[in-house]
Amino acid sequence: MSEEQAGAPEAQGTEAPEELYGIKPREVYYMCLRCGYKVSKSELSQYYSMVCPRCGYRIFVKVRAPSTIVAPRRVYAV
């Protein structure tokens, strides 16, 4: 078996799932429970500990992504 054939299976699984399926990662946001300030995860990682940059509170809630499910509409028979 040549070196090219031996290395081929290892190289196939190196793509990230985002690239493989066309999924674009979203920015994760957290909201401070005291003041309601929304902070991105990348912004929080700049600080030494996870504290709100506005008020200094340390309890956050992860903001959920908007729902893509549309409420069903009523259909009336004619």
Protein backbone atom coordinates (compact mmCIF):
# COMPACT_ATOMS: atom_id res chain seq x y z
CA MET A 1 0.00 0.00 0.00
CA SER A 2 1.45 3.39 -0.94
CA GLU A 3 1.69 6.35 1.43
CA GLU A 4 -1.02 8.26 -0.45
CA GLN A 5 -3.53 5.45 -0.04
CA ALA A 6 -2.69 4.99 3.63
CA GLY A 7 -3.21 8.70 4.40
CA ALA A 8 -6.44 9.13 2.45
CA PRO A 9 -8.96 7.85 5.09
CA GLU A 10 -7.47 10.10 7.75
CA ALA A 11 -7.81 13.20 5.57
CA GLN A 12 -11.50 12.60 4.80
CA GLY A 13 -12.83 13.33 8.29
CA THR A 14 -10.92 16.58 8.84
CA GLU A 15 -13.69 18.97 7.69
CA ALA A 16 -15.68 20.72 10.36
CA PRO A 17 -19.44 19.91 10.47
CA GLU A 18 -20.22 23.58 9.68
CA GLU A 19 -18.37 23.35 6.38
CA LEU A 20 -19.69 19.90 5.61
CA TYR A 21 -23.41 20.70 5.96
CA GLY A 22 -23.38 24.43 5.19
CA ILE A 23 -24.39 25.39 8.75
CA LYS A 24 -23.33 28.87 9.79
CA PRO A 25 -22.53 29.18 13.50
CA ARG A 26 -24.37 31.93 15.38
CA GLU A 27 -22.92 34.21 17.99
CA VAL A 28 -24.03 33.15 21.48
CA TYR A 29 -25.41 35.91 23.70
CA TYR A 30 -25.89 36.05 27.46
CA MET A 31 -28.14 38.46 29.37
CA CYS A 32 -27.35 39.81 32.83
CA LEU A 33 -30.15 39.08 35.30
CA ARG A 34 -29.69 42.32 37.21
CA CYS A 35 -29.51 44.97 34.48
CA GLY A 36 -30.62 43.07 31.34
CA TYR A 37 -27.46 43.92 29.37
CA LYS A 38 -26.81 41.50 26.48
CA VAL A 39 -23.21 40.40 26.05
CA SER A 40 -21.70 38.12 23.41
CA LYS A 41 -19.67 35.10 24.46
CA SER A 42 -16.57 36.49 22.73
CA GLU A 43 -16.91 39.73 24.70
CA LEU A 44 -17.25 37.84 28.00
CA SER A 45 -14.14 35.80 27.26
CA GLN A 46 -12.07 39.01 27.31
CA TYR A 47 -12.67 39.43 31.04
CA TYR A 48 -10.86 37.53 33.78
CA SER A 49 -14.09 36.15 35.23
CA MET A 50 -17.61 36.04 33.86
CA VAL A 51 -19.03 39.35 35.14
CA CYS A 52 -21.37 41.88 33.57
CA PRO A 53 -19.33 44.76 32.13
CA ARG A 54 -22.06 47.24 33.08
CA CYS A 55 -23.01 46.31 36.67
CA GLY A 56 -20.55 43.59 37.79
CA TYR A 57 -23.22 40.95 38.46
CA ARG A 58 -22.15 37.34 37.87
CA ILE A 59 -25.41 35.59 36.99
CA PHE A 60 -26.32 35.33 33.31
CA VAL A 61 -29.07 33.71 31.26
CA LYS A 62 -28.33 32.34 27.82
CA VAL A 63 -30.45 34.15 25.24
CA ARG A 64 -32.26 31.68 23.02
CA ALA A 65 -32.22 31.97 19.26
CA PRO A 66 -35.44 33.15 17.67
CA SER A 67 -37.80 30.32 16.84
CA THR A 68 -38.25 29.42 13.20
CA ILE A 69 -41.49 27.51 13.77
CA VAL A 70 -44.52 29.40 12.50
CA ALA A 71 -47.78 29.03 14.40
CA PRO A 72 -50.28 26.92 12.46
CA ARG A 73 -53.03 28.87 10.75
CA ARG A 74 -56.67 27.88 10.92
CA VAL A 75 -58.14 26.70 7.68
CA TYR A 76 -61.87 27.03 7.20
CA ALA A 77 -63.86 24.86 4.82
CA VAL A 78 -65.81 26.67 2.18
